[in-house]
Amino acid sequence: MKNLVLTCLICLLPMLVHAADLPPEVAHIQSEWARINYKLPEKNQEDAFKALAEQARAVAEKLPGRAEPLVWEGIVLASYAKARGGLSALGLAEKSRDRLLEAERIDPAALAGSVYTSLGSLHYKVPGWPIGFGDKKKAREYLLKALALNPDGIDSNYFWADFLKERGDYAAAAGAYRRALSAPPRPGREDADAGRRAEIMVGLKEAESRL
């Protein structure tokens, strides 16, 4: 069961805008997430993500009616769940989903479709009933919405590719991974782009090995 729970822990969920386009408080959460997720040793990530989740909650409360801080709070909560592990990770994943749904109600197109990329990745990574809320059908719907909003994005294509790989559609997954690699760089997101591209290369290699 522990291994099933650990599969729900998202690395991270994507943001598709430049830091300069965000309120400074949200941009700080975004840059700190990338630093912790890609630069900090895994043994130190749990405490760091816990502290960042508290900061993200405070930012969301400071900026009511804005979708962006809620999306980033959801991302940080999912990453905190990954670092924490165990059954308690499911509760954090549920909080992440709830923040994202709240953001969707405010602005479903926020952050160029990242609401749907994040919800989609949660729904295909979290175990399904009776353990968790995972739902492959919902995951597909959310990920396709994200692609419709941002067809050339690195994250929208990466998570679509990863979903297809998990479903055994390796040819389509390889194509989506390649589209993710060709995505334009995001100014101010260099650490996040570098980390994501490393993940894409791992996924592409695996998908190609199954062809």
N, C-alpha and C. Protein backbone atom coordinates (compact mmCIF):
# COMPACT_ATOMS: atom_id res chain seq x y z
N MET A 1 0.84 -1.20 0.00
CA MET A 1 0.00 0.00 0.00
C MET A 1 0.87 1.25 0.00
N LYS A 2 1.99 1.18 0.72
CA LYS A 2 2.86 2.35 0.77
C LYS A 2 3.34 2.73 -0.62
N ASN A 3 3.69 1.69 -1.43
CA ASN A 3 4.15 1.99 -2.78
C ASN A 3 3.07 2.63 -3.62
N LEU A 4 1.81 2.19 -3.40
CA LEU A 4 0.71 2.80 -4.13
C LEU A 4 0.55 4.26 -3.74
N VAL A 5 0.68 4.51 -2.44
CA VAL A 5 0.54 5.89 -1.98
C VAL A 5 1.62 6.76 -2.58
N LEU A 6 2.84 6.23 -2.65
CA LEU A 6 3.94 7.05 -3.15
C LEU A 6 3.75 7.44 -4.60
N THR A 7 2.98 6.63 -5.37
CA THR A 7 2.77 6.99 -6.77
C THR A 7 1.94 8.24 -6.92
N CYS A 8 1.26 8.66 -5.86
CA CYS A 8 0.42 9.86 -5.97
C CYS A 8 1.20 11.14 -5.86
N LEU A 9 2.46 11.02 -5.57
CA LEU A 9 3.19 12.21 -5.18
C LEU A 9 3.78 12.86 -6.40
N ILE A 10 3.23 13.97 -6.71
CA ILE A 10 3.54 14.62 -7.96
C ILE A 10 4.80 15.44 -7.83
N CYS A 11 5.59 15.37 -8.79
CA CYS A 11 6.77 16.22 -8.80
C CYS A 11 6.43 17.45 -9.55
N LEU A 12 5.76 17.48 -9.21
CA LEU A 12 5.62 18.70 -9.64
C LEU A 12 4.96 19.31 -10.74
N LEU A 13 4.32 19.69 -10.59
CA LEU A 13 3.29 20.20 -11.42
C LEU A 13 3.70 21.53 -11.99
N PRO A 14 3.30 21.81 -13.19
CA PRO A 14 3.90 22.79 -14.07
C PRO A 14 3.31 24.16 -13.99
N MET A 15 4.12 25.17 -14.19
CA MET A 15 3.64 26.52 -14.39
C MET A 15 4.12 26.98 -15.74
N LEU A 16 3.25 27.66 -16.44
CA LEU A 16 3.51 27.96 -17.84
C LEU A 16 3.58 29.44 -18.12
N VAL A 17 3.94 30.23 -17.13
CA VAL A 17 4.09 31.66 -17.33
C VAL A 17 5.42 32.10 -16.76
N HIS A 18 5.84 33.28 -17.10
CA HIS A 18 7.09 33.82 -16.60
C HIS A 18 6.89 34.37 -15.20
N ALA A 19 7.96 34.35 -14.42
CA ALA A 19 7.87 34.88 -13.07
C ALA A 19 7.42 36.34 -13.08
N ALA A 20 7.83 37.08 -14.13
CA ALA A 20 7.48 38.50 -14.18
C ALA A 20 6.00 38.73 -14.36
N ASP A 21 5.25 37.73 -14.81
CA ASP A 21 3.82 37.86 -15.03
C ASP A 21 3.02 37.64 -13.74
N LEU A 22 3.67 37.23 -12.68
CA LEU A 22 2.99 36.87 -11.44
C LEU A 22 3.20 37.95 -10.39
N PRO A 23 2.25 38.03 -9.42
CA PRO A 23 2.53 38.86 -8.25
C PRO A 23 3.84 38.39 -7.61
N PRO A 24 4.62 39.29 -7.04
CA PRO A 24 5.94 38.89 -6.52
C PRO A 24 5.88 37.80 -5.47
N GLU A 25 4.81 37.79 -4.66
CA GLU A 25 4.70 36.73 -3.65
C GLU A 25 4.54 35.36 -4.29
N VAL A 26 3.78 35.31 -5.39
CA VAL A 26 3.58 34.04 -6.08
C VAL A 26 4.84 33.63 -6.83
N ALA A 27 5.51 34.60 -7.44
CA ALA A 27 6.77 34.32 -8.13
C ALA A 27 7.80 33.73 -7.17
N HIS A 28 7.78 34.20 -5.93
CA HIS A 28 8.71 33.66 -4.93
C HIS A 28 8.40 32.19 -4.65
N ILE A 29 7.12 31.85 -4.48
CA ILE A 29 6.74 30.45 -4.26
C ILE A 29 7.19 29.60 -5.44
N GLN A 30 6.98 30.11 -6.65
CA GLN A 30 7.36 29.39 -7.87
C GLN A 30 8.86 29.10 -7.91
N SER A 31 9.69 30.10 -7.63
CA SER A 31 11.13 29.91 -7.70
C SER A 31 11.63 29.02 -6.56
N GLU A 32 11.02 29.15 -5.38
CA GLU A 32 11.42 28.30 -4.26
C GLU A 32 11.05 26.84 -4.51
N TRP A 33 9.90 26.62 -5.14
CA TRP A 33 9.52 25.25 -5.47
C TRP A 33 10.56 24.61 -6.37
N ALA A 34 11.00 25.33 -7.41
CA ALA A 34 11.99 24.78 -8.33
C ALA A 34 13.31 24.50 -7.60
N ARG A 35 13.71 25.41 -6.72
CA ARG A 35 14.96 25.21 -5.99
C ARG A 35 14.90 23.97 -5.12
N ILE A 36 13.80 23.84 -4.38
CA ILE A 36 13.66 22.70 -3.48
C ILE A 36 13.55 21.40 -4.28
N ASN A 37 12.72 21.42 -5.31
CA ASN A 37 12.43 20.20 -6.05
C ASN A 37 13.62 19.68 -6.84
N TYR A 38 14.42 20.58 -7.39
CA TYR A 38 15.49 20.16 -8.28
C TYR A 38 16.90 20.37 -7.73
N LYS A 39 17.05 21.16 -6.70
CA LYS A 39 18.39 21.45 -6.19
C LYS A 39 18.66 20.86 -4.80
N LEU A 40 17.61 20.72 -3.99
CA LEU A 40 17.81 20.30 -2.61
C LEU A 40 17.89 18.77 -2.52
N PRO A 41 18.76 18.22 -1.69
CA PRO A 41 18.79 16.77 -1.49
C PRO A 41 17.43 16.26 -1.00
N GLU A 42 17.07 15.07 -1.43
CA GLU A 42 15.75 14.53 -1.08
C GLU A 42 15.53 14.47 0.42
N LYS A 43 16.57 14.19 1.18
CA LYS A 43 16.41 14.06 2.63
C LYS A 43 16.00 15.38 3.29
N ASN A 44 16.23 16.49 2.61
CA ASN A 44 15.89 17.79 3.16
C ASN A 44 14.60 18.38 2.59
N GLN A 45 13.97 17.68 1.68
CA GLN A 45 12.85 18.26 0.97
C GLN A 45 11.56 18.32 1.80
N GLU A 46 11.34 17.34 2.66
CA GLU A 46 10.08 17.32 3.39
C GLU A 46 9.90 18.58 4.23
N ASP A 47 10.88 18.91 5.03
CA ASP A 47 10.77 20.11 5.87
C ASP A 47 10.66 21.38 5.02
N ALA A 48 11.42 21.41 3.93
CA ALA A 48 11.41 22.60 3.07
C ALA A 48 10.04 22.77 2.41
N PHE A 49 9.45 21.69 1.92
CA PHE A 49 8.14 21.81 1.30
C PHE A 49 7.04 22.10 2.32
N LYS A 50 7.20 21.59 3.53
CA LYS A 50 6.24 21.91 4.56
C LYS A 50 6.22 23.41 4.84
N ALA A 51 7.41 23.98 4.98
CA ALA A 51 7.51 25.43 5.22
C ALA A 51 6.97 26.21 4.02
N LEU A 52 7.27 25.75 2.81
CA LEU A 52 6.80 26.46 1.63
C LEU A 52 5.28 26.35 1.49
N ALA A 53 4.71 25.22 1.90
CA ALA A 53 3.25 25.08 1.86
C ALA A 53 2.58 26.09 2.78
N GLU A 54 3.18 26.33 3.93
CA GLU A 54 2.64 27.33 4.85
C GLU A 54 2.73 28.73 4.24
N GLN A 55 3.85 29.00 3.58
CA GLN A 55 3.97 30.30 2.90
C GLN A 55 2.95 30.44 1.78
N ALA A 56 2.75 29.37 1.02
CA ALA A 56 1.80 29.41 -0.09
C ALA A 56 0.38 29.64 0.41
N ARG A 57 0.02 29.05 1.55
CA ARG A 57 -1.31 29.28 2.13
C ARG A 57 -1.47 30.75 2.51
N ALA A 58 -0.43 31.32 3.10
CA ALA A 58 -0.50 32.73 3.50
C ALA A 58 -0.64 33.63 2.28
N VAL A 59 0.05 33.30 1.19
CA VAL A 59 -0.04 34.10 -0.02
C VAL A 59 -1.45 34.01 -0.62
N ALA A 60 -2.01 32.81 -0.64
CA ALA A 60 -3.37 32.64 -1.17
C ALA A 60 -4.38 33.43 -0.35
N GLU A 61 -4.21 33.47 0.95
CA GLU A 61 -5.11 34.24 1.80
C GLU A 61 -4.91 35.74 1.60
N LYS A 62 -3.70 36.15 1.29
CA LYS A 62 -3.41 37.56 1.05
C LYS A 62 -3.98 38.04 -0.28
N LEU A 63 -4.12 37.12 -1.23
CA LEU A 63 -4.58 37.47 -2.58
C LEU A 63 -5.88 36.74 -2.90
N PRO A 64 -6.95 36.99 -2.16
CA PRO A 64 -8.22 36.29 -2.42
C PRO A 64 -8.75 36.63 -3.81
N GLY A 65 -9.39 35.65 -4.41
CA GLY A 65 -9.95 35.87 -5.73
C GLY A 65 -8.97 35.68 -6.87
N ARG A 66 -7.72 35.34 -6.56
CA ARG A 66 -6.72 35.07 -7.59
C ARG A 66 -6.50 33.57 -7.70
N ALA A 67 -6.47 33.06 -8.92
CA ALA A 67 -6.28 31.62 -9.12
C ALA A 67 -4.83 31.20 -8.97
N GLU A 68 -3.90 32.06 -9.37
CA GLU A 68 -2.49 31.65 -9.43
C GLU A 68 -1.93 31.17 -8.09
N PRO A 69 -2.15 31.91 -6.99
CA PRO A 69 -1.60 31.41 -5.72
C PRO A 69 -2.21 30.08 -5.29
N LEU A 70 -3.47 29.86 -5.64
CA LEU A 70 -4.10 28.59 -5.30
C LEU A 70 -3.49 27.43 -6.09
N VAL A 71 -3.20 27.68 -7.37
CA VAL A 71 -2.55 26.65 -8.17
C VAL A 71 -1.18 26.31 -7.58
N TRP A 72 -0.43 27.33 -7.24
CA TRP A 72 0.89 27.06 -6.68
C TRP A 72 0.81 26.41 -5.31
N GLU A 73 -0.20 26.75 -4.54
CA GLU A 73 -0.36 26.04 -3.26
C GLU A 73 -0.63 24.57 -3.50
N GLY A 74 -1.46 24.28 -4.49
CA GLY A 74 -1.72 22.88 -4.83
C GLY A 74 -0.46 22.14 -5.25
N ILE A 75 0.38 22.79 -6.02
CA ILE A 75 1.62 22.17 -6.47
C ILE A 75 2.55 21.89 -5.29
N VAL A 76 2.67 22.86 -4.42
CA VAL A 76 3.57 22.69 -3.26
C VAL A 76 3.05 21.58 -2.35
N LEU A 77 1.75 21.51 -2.15
CA LEU A 77 1.18 20.45 -1.32
C LEU A 77 1.45 19.07 -1.92
N ALA A 78 1.35 18.96 -3.24
CA ALA A 78 1.63 17.67 -3.88
C ALA A 78 3.10 17.30 -3.72
N SER A 79 3.98 18.27 -3.84
CA SER A 79 5.40 17.99 -3.67
C SER A 79 5.74 17.66 -2.23
N TYR A 80 5.07 18.31 -1.30
CA TYR A 80 5.23 17.98 0.12
C TYR A 80 4.78 16.55 0.37
N ALA A 81 3.69 16.15 -0.26
CA ALA A 81 3.22 14.77 -0.11
C ALA A 81 4.26 13.79 -0.62
N LYS A 82 4.86 14.09 -1.77
CA LYS A 82 5.90 13.22 -2.32
C LYS A 82 7.05 13.05 -1.34
N ALA A 83 7.49 14.16 -0.77
CA ALA A 83 8.62 14.11 0.15
C ALA A 83 8.27 13.39 1.45
N ARG A 84 7.03 13.53 1.88
CA ARG A 84 6.62 12.95 3.16
C ARG A 84 6.39 11.46 3.05
N GLY A 85 5.65 11.02 2.04
CA GLY A 85 5.37 9.60 1.86
C GLY A 85 4.40 9.06 2.89
N GLY A 86 4.09 7.77 2.78
CA GLY A 86 3.19 7.13 3.72
C GLY A 86 1.73 7.48 3.47
N LEU A 87 0.86 6.96 4.33
CA LEU A 87 -0.57 7.16 4.16
C LEU A 87 -0.97 8.63 4.29
N SER A 88 -0.24 9.38 5.09
CA SER A 88 -0.58 10.79 5.27
C SER A 88 -0.42 11.58 3.98
N ALA A 89 0.32 11.03 3.03
CA ALA A 89 0.49 11.71 1.75
C ALA A 89 -0.84 11.84 1.01
N LEU A 90 -1.75 10.91 1.23
CA LEU A 90 -3.04 10.99 0.56
C LEU A 90 -3.83 12.21 1.01
N GLY A 91 -3.75 12.53 2.28
CA GLY A 91 -4.44 13.71 2.77
C GLY A 91 -3.89 14.98 2.15
N LEU A 92 -2.58 15.04 1.98
CA LEU A 92 -1.97 16.19 1.33
C LEU A 92 -2.36 16.26 -0.14
N ALA A 93 -2.44 15.10 -0.80
CA ALA A 93 -2.87 15.08 -2.20
C ALA A 93 -4.30 15.57 -2.34
N GLU A 94 -5.16 15.22 -1.38
CA GLU A 94 -6.54 15.69 -1.42
C GLU A 94 -6.60 17.21 -1.25
N LYS A 95 -5.78 17.75 -0.36
CA LYS A 95 -5.73 19.21 -0.19
C LYS A 95 -5.25 19.87 -1.48
N SER A 96 -4.27 19.25 -2.13
CA SER A 96 -3.77 19.77 -3.40
C SER A 96 -4.89 19.82 -4.43
N ARG A 97 -5.62 18.72 -4.56
CA ARG A 97 -6.75 18.69 -5.50
C ARG A 97 -7.78 19.76 -5.18
N ASP A 98 -8.09 19.94 -3.91
CA ASP A 98 -9.11 20.92 -3.53
C ASP A 98 -8.67 22.34 -3.86
N ARG A 99 -7.40 22.65 -3.65
CA ARG A 99 -6.91 23.99 -4.00
C ARG A 99 -7.00 24.21 -5.52
N LEU A 100 -6.67 23.18 -6.29
CA LEU A 100 -6.73 23.30 -7.74
C LEU A 100 -8.16 23.47 -8.23
N LEU A 101 -9.10 22.76 -7.63
CA LEU A 101 -10.51 22.92 -8.01
C LEU A 101 -11.01 24.31 -7.65
N GLU A 102 -10.53 24.83 -6.54
CA GLU A 102 -10.90 26.20 -6.17
C GLU A 102 -10.36 27.19 -7.20
N ALA A 103 -9.13 26.95 -7.64
CA ALA A 103 -8.54 27.82 -8.67
C ALA A 103 -9.33 27.71 -9.98
N GLU A 104 -9.76 26.51 -10.32
CA GLU A 104 -10.53 26.32 -11.55
C GLU A 104 -11.82 27.13 -11.53
N ARG A 105 -12.46 27.18 -10.36
CA ARG A 105 -13.70 27.95 -10.26
C ARG A 105 -13.47 29.44 -10.47
N ILE A 106 -12.29 29.91 -10.12
CA ILE A 106 -11.96 31.32 -10.29
C ILE A 106 -11.57 31.62 -11.74
N ASP A 107 -10.68 30.80 -12.28
CA ASP A 107 -10.18 31.04 -13.64
C ASP A 107 -9.63 29.74 -14.21
N PRO A 108 -10.42 28.99 -14.98
CA PRO A 108 -9.96 27.70 -15.50
C PRO A 108 -8.79 27.81 -16.46
N ALA A 109 -8.56 28.98 -17.03
CA ALA A 109 -7.44 29.16 -17.95
C ALA A 109 -6.21 29.74 -17.28
N ALA A 110 -6.23 29.82 -15.96
CA ALA A 110 -5.10 30.42 -15.25
C ALA A 110 -3.80 29.70 -15.57
N LEU A 111 -2.73 30.49 -15.69
CA LEU A 111 -1.40 29.95 -15.93
C LEU A 111 -1.38 29.04 -17.15
N ALA A 112 -2.07 29.49 -18.19
CA ALA A 112 -2.05 28.82 -19.50
C ALA A 112 -2.43 27.35 -19.41
N GLY A 113 -3.43 27.04 -18.58
CA GLY A 113 -3.93 25.68 -18.50
C GLY A 113 -3.30 24.82 -17.43
N SER A 114 -2.48 25.41 -16.57
CA SER A 114 -1.80 24.61 -15.55
C SER A 114 -2.75 24.02 -14.52
N VAL A 115 -3.92 24.64 -14.35
CA VAL A 115 -4.93 24.05 -13.47
C VAL A 115 -5.24 22.63 -13.95
N TYR A 116 -5.43 22.47 -15.26
CA TYR A 116 -5.83 21.17 -15.79
C TYR A 116 -4.65 20.20 -15.89
N THR A 117 -3.46 20.71 -16.19
CA THR A 117 -2.29 19.83 -16.18
C THR A 117 -2.08 19.25 -14.79
N SER A 118 -2.23 20.09 -13.78
CA SER A 118 -2.01 19.65 -12.41
C SER A 118 -3.09 18.69 -11.95
N LEU A 119 -4.35 19.02 -12.24
CA LEU A 119 -5.43 18.10 -11.87
C LEU A 119 -5.30 16.78 -12.61
N GLY A 120 -4.93 16.83 -13.88
CA GLY A 120 -4.77 15.60 -14.64
C GLY A 120 -3.69 14.71 -14.07
N SER A 121 -2.55 15.30 -13.74
CA SER A 121 -1.46 14.49 -13.21
C SER A 121 -1.81 13.91 -11.85
N LEU A 122 -2.53 14.66 -11.03
CA LEU A 122 -2.98 14.10 -9.75
C LEU A 122 -3.88 12.89 -9.97
N HIS A 123 -4.83 13.01 -10.90
CA HIS A 123 -5.81 11.94 -11.06
C HIS A 123 -5.24 10.68 -11.68
N TYR A 124 -4.11 10.77 -12.41
CA TYR A 124 -3.55 9.52 -12.90
C TYR A 124 -2.45 8.97 -12.01
N LYS A 125 -1.93 9.77 -11.10
CA LYS A 125 -0.90 9.28 -10.19
C LYS A 125 -1.46 8.77 -8.87
N VAL A 126 -2.51 9.40 -8.38
CA VAL A 126 -3.09 8.98 -7.10
C VAL A 126 -3.80 7.64 -7.29
N PRO A 127 -3.65 6.71 -6.36
CA PRO A 127 -4.39 5.45 -6.46
C PRO A 127 -5.90 5.69 -6.49
N GLY A 128 -6.61 4.80 -7.17
CA GLY A 128 -8.05 4.92 -7.25
C GLY A 128 -8.76 4.36 -6.04
N TRP A 129 -10.09 4.39 -6.09
CA TRP A 129 -10.91 3.86 -5.01
C TRP A 129 -10.58 2.39 -4.78
N PRO A 130 -10.53 1.92 -3.52
CA PRO A 130 -10.96 2.58 -2.28
C PRO A 130 -9.82 3.31 -1.54
N ILE A 131 -8.63 3.36 -2.15
CA ILE A 131 -7.51 3.97 -1.45
C ILE A 131 -7.52 5.49 -1.61
N GLY A 132 -7.69 5.95 -2.84
CA GLY A 132 -7.62 7.37 -3.11
C GLY A 132 -8.63 7.81 -4.14
N PHE A 133 -8.46 9.01 -4.67
CA PHE A 133 -9.43 9.59 -5.60
C PHE A 133 -8.99 9.49 -7.06
N GLY A 134 -7.93 8.75 -7.32
CA GLY A 134 -7.43 8.64 -8.68
C GLY A 134 -8.49 8.14 -9.65
N ASP A 135 -8.44 8.67 -10.87
CA ASP A 135 -9.45 8.34 -11.88
C ASP A 135 -8.82 8.59 -13.25
N LYS A 136 -8.52 7.51 -13.99
CA LYS A 136 -7.83 7.65 -15.27
C LYS A 136 -8.69 8.38 -16.30
N LYS A 137 -9.99 8.20 -16.27
CA LYS A 137 -10.86 8.89 -17.22
C LYS A 137 -10.81 10.40 -16.98
N LYS A 138 -10.93 10.80 -15.73
CA LYS A 138 -10.83 12.23 -15.42
C LYS A 138 -9.45 12.76 -15.77
N ALA A 139 -8.43 11.97 -15.53
CA ALA A 139 -7.07 12.40 -15.85
C ALA A 139 -6.95 12.73 -17.32
N ARG A 140 -7.45 11.86 -18.17
CA ARG A 140 -7.39 12.09 -19.61
C ARG A 140 -8.13 13.38 -19.99
N GLU A 141 -9.30 13.58 -19.42
CA GLU A 141 -10.08 14.78 -19.74
C GLU A 141 -9.34 16.04 -19.34
N TYR A 142 -8.76 16.03 -18.14
CA TYR A 142 -8.04 17.21 -17.68
C TYR A 142 -6.80 17.47 -18.53
N LEU A 143 -6.05 16.43 -18.84
CA LEU A 143 -4.82 16.62 -19.60
C LEU A 143 -5.10 17.10 -21.02
N LEU A 144 -6.18 16.65 -21.62
CA LEU A 144 -6.55 17.13 -22.95
C LEU A 144 -6.98 18.59 -22.90
N LYS A 145 -7.64 18.99 -21.83
CA LYS A 145 -7.98 20.41 -21.67
C LYS A 145 -6.71 21.25 -21.56
N ALA A 146 -5.74 20.75 -20.83
CA ALA A 146 -4.48 21.48 -20.69
C ALA A 146 -3.79 21.62 -22.04
N LEU A 147 -3.78 20.56 -22.82
CA LEU A 147 -3.16 20.63 -24.15
C LEU A 147 -3.89 21.59 -25.07
N ALA A 148 -5.21 21.65 -24.95
CA ALA A 148 -5.98 22.56 -25.78
C ALA A 148 -5.61 24.01 -25.46
N LEU A 149 -5.34 24.29 -24.20
CA LEU A 149 -4.99 25.64 -23.79
C LEU A 149 -3.52 25.97 -24.07
N ASN A 150 -2.67 24.96 -24.03
CA ASN A 150 -1.24 25.20 -24.21
C ASN A 150 -0.62 24.04 -25.00
N PRO A 151 -0.89 23.95 -26.30
CA PRO A 151 -0.46 22.78 -27.08
C PRO A 151 1.04 22.62 -27.22
N ASP A 152 1.80 23.69 -27.05
CA ASP A 152 3.25 23.62 -27.22
C ASP A 152 4.02 23.66 -25.91
N GLY A 153 3.33 23.59 -24.78
CA GLY A 153 3.99 23.73 -23.48
C GLY A 153 4.80 22.52 -23.10
N ILE A 154 5.87 22.75 -22.36
CA ILE A 154 6.73 21.65 -21.93
C ILE A 154 6.00 20.75 -20.93
N ASP A 155 5.26 21.35 -20.01
CA ASP A 155 4.60 20.55 -18.98
C ASP A 155 3.34 19.86 -19.49
N SER A 156 2.54 20.56 -20.27
CA SER A 156 1.32 19.94 -20.79
C SER A 156 1.66 18.73 -21.64
N ASN A 157 2.71 18.82 -22.44
CA ASN A 157 3.12 17.67 -23.26
C ASN A 157 3.82 16.60 -22.44
N TYR A 158 4.59 17.01 -21.44
CA TYR A 158 5.26 16.02 -20.61
C TYR A 158 4.27 15.14 -19.87
N PHE A 159 3.29 15.75 -19.21
CA PHE A 159 2.36 14.95 -18.43
C PHE A 159 1.43 14.13 -19.32
N TRP A 160 1.11 14.65 -20.50
CA TRP A 160 0.33 13.86 -21.45
C TRP A 160 1.14 12.64 -21.89
N ALA A 161 2.42 12.86 -22.18
CA ALA A 161 3.29 11.75 -22.56
C ALA A 161 3.41 10.71 -21.45
N ASP A 162 3.58 11.19 -20.23
CA ASP A 162 3.73 10.27 -19.10
C ASP A 162 2.46 9.46 -18.89
N PHE A 163 1.31 10.11 -19.05
CA PHE A 163 0.03 9.41 -18.95
C PHE A 163 -0.06 8.32 -20.01
N LEU A 164 0.27 8.67 -21.25
CA LEU A 164 0.21 7.70 -22.34
C LEU A 164 1.16 6.53 -22.10
N LYS A 165 2.35 6.83 -21.58
CA LYS A 165 3.30 5.76 -21.29
C LYS A 165 2.75 4.80 -20.24
N GLU A 166 2.16 5.36 -19.20
CA GLU A 166 1.60 4.50 -18.16
C GLU A 166 0.45 3.65 -18.69
N ARG A 167 -0.24 4.15 -19.72
CA ARG A 167 -1.35 3.40 -20.32
C ARG A 167 -0.87 2.41 -21.37
N GLY A 168 0.44 2.40 -21.64
CA GLY A 168 0.99 1.44 -22.59
C GLY A 168 1.00 1.90 -24.03
N ASP A 169 0.66 3.14 -24.31
CA ASP A 169 0.68 3.68 -25.67
C ASP A 169 2.04 4.33 -25.90
N TYR A 170 3.05 3.50 -26.13
CA TYR A 170 4.42 3.99 -26.13
C TYR A 170 4.75 4.83 -27.35
N ALA A 171 4.18 4.52 -28.51
CA ALA A 171 4.45 5.32 -29.70
C ALA A 171 3.93 6.74 -29.53
N ALA A 172 2.69 6.87 -29.08
CA ALA A 172 2.12 8.20 -28.86
C ALA A 172 2.87 8.93 -27.74
N ALA A 173 3.27 8.19 -26.72
CA ALA A 173 4.01 8.80 -25.62
C ALA A 173 5.34 9.37 -26.11
N ALA A 174 6.05 8.61 -26.94
CA ALA A 174 7.33 9.09 -27.46
C ALA A 174 7.15 10.37 -28.26
N GLY A 175 6.10 10.44 -29.06
CA GLY A 175 5.84 11.66 -29.81
C GLY A 175 5.56 12.84 -28.92
N ALA A 176 4.80 12.62 -27.86
CA ALA A 176 4.50 13.71 -26.93
C ALA A 176 5.74 14.14 -26.16
N TYR A 177 6.59 13.20 -25.78
CA TYR A 177 7.84 13.57 -25.12
C TYR A 177 8.69 14.44 -26.04
N ARG A 178 8.75 14.09 -27.32
CA ARG A 178 9.54 14.89 -28.25
C ARG A 178 8.96 16.29 -28.40
N ARG A 179 7.65 16.41 -28.41
CA ARG A 179 7.04 17.74 -28.47
C ARG A 179 7.38 18.55 -27.22
N ALA A 180 7.42 17.86 -26.09
CA ALA A 180 7.80 18.54 -24.84
C ALA A 180 9.23 19.06 -24.92
N LEU A 181 10.13 18.26 -25.50
CA LEU A 181 11.51 18.69 -25.62
C LEU A 181 11.68 19.90 -26.54
N SER A 182 10.77 20.03 -27.50
CA SER A 182 10.87 21.15 -28.44
C SER A 182 10.16 22.40 -27.94
N ALA A 183 9.61 22.35 -26.74
CA ALA A 183 8.90 23.51 -26.19
C ALA A 183 9.87 24.67 -26.00
N PRO A 184 9.40 25.90 -26.18
CA PRO A 184 10.28 27.05 -25.99
C PRO A 184 10.67 27.21 -24.52
N PRO A 185 11.85 27.73 -24.26
CA PRO A 185 12.28 27.95 -22.87
C PRO A 185 11.42 29.01 -22.20
N ARG A 186 11.32 28.91 -20.89
CA ARG A 186 10.53 29.86 -20.10
C ARG A 186 11.48 30.77 -19.34
N PRO A 187 11.58 32.03 -19.74
CA PRO A 187 12.47 32.97 -19.02
C PRO A 187 12.12 33.02 -17.53
N GLY A 188 13.14 32.95 -16.71
CA GLY A 188 12.93 32.94 -15.28
C GLY A 188 12.63 31.58 -14.71
N ARG A 189 12.47 30.57 -15.56
CA ARG A 189 12.17 29.21 -15.11
C ARG A 189 13.27 28.25 -15.50
N GLU A 190 14.51 28.73 -15.54
CA GLU A 190 15.61 27.90 -16.03
C GLU A 190 15.79 26.61 -15.23
N ASP A 191 15.73 26.71 -13.90
CA ASP A 191 15.89 25.51 -13.07
C ASP A 191 14.76 24.52 -13.32
N ALA A 192 13.54 25.02 -13.41
CA ALA A 192 12.40 24.15 -13.64
C ALA A 192 12.49 23.50 -15.02
N ASP A 193 12.89 24.27 -16.03
CA ASP A 193 13.01 23.72 -17.38
C ASP A 193 14.08 22.64 -17.43
N ALA A 194 15.23 22.89 -16.79
CA ALA A 194 16.30 21.90 -16.80
C ALA A 194 15.88 20.61 -16.11
N GLY A 195 15.21 20.74 -14.98
CA GLY A 195 14.73 19.55 -14.29
C GLY A 195 13.69 18.80 -15.07
N ARG A 196 12.77 19.53 -15.68
CA ARG A 196 11.73 18.87 -16.46
C ARG A 196 12.32 18.17 -17.68
N ARG A 197 13.29 18.80 -18.35
CA ARG A 197 13.89 18.18 -19.52
C ARG A 197 14.61 16.89 -19.15
N ALA A 198 15.22 16.86 -17.99
CA ALA A 198 15.85 15.61 -17.54
C ALA A 198 14.81 14.52 -17.35
N GLU A 199 13.66 14.88 -16.80
CA GLU A 199 12.58 13.90 -16.62
C GLU A 199 12.03 13.45 -17.98
N ILE A 200 11.94 14.37 -18.92
CA ILE A 200 11.46 14.02 -20.26
C ILE A 200 12.39 13.01 -20.91
N MET A 201 13.69 13.21 -20.79
CA MET A 201 14.64 12.30 -21.41
C MET A 201 14.53 10.89 -20.83
N VAL A 202 14.30 10.80 -19.53
CA VAL A 202 14.12 9.48 -18.91
C VAL A 202 12.86 8.82 -19.46
N GLY A 203 11.76 9.57 -19.52
CA GLY A 203 10.52 9.01 -20.04
C GLY A 203 10.61 8.63 -21.50
N LEU A 204 11.25 9.47 -22.30
CA LEU A 204 11.39 9.18 -23.73
C LEU A 204 12.21 7.92 -23.95
N LYS A 205 13.30 7.78 -23.20
CA LYS A 205 14.13 6.59 -23.34
C LYS A 205 13.34 5.32 -23.01
N GLU A 206 12.52 5.39 -21.96
CA GLU A 206 11.72 4.24 -21.59
C GLU A 206 10.68 3.92 -22.65
N ALA A 207 9.98 4.97 -23.15
CA ALA A 207 8.96 4.74 -24.16
C ALA A 207 9.57 4.15 -25.43
N GLU A 208 10.71 4.68 -25.85
CA GLU A 208 11.34 4.17 -27.07
C GLU A 208 11.83 2.74 -26.91
N SER A 209 12.22 2.38 -25.68
CA SER A 209 12.68 1.01 -25.46
C SER A 209 11.56 -0.01 -25.56
N ARG A 210 10.31 0.46 -25.48
CA ARG A 210 9.16 -0.44 -25.55
C ARG A 210 8.59 -0.54 -26.97
N LEU A 211 9.11 0.23 -27.89
CA LEU A 211 8.58 0.21 -29.25
C LEU A 211 9.05 -1.03 -30.01
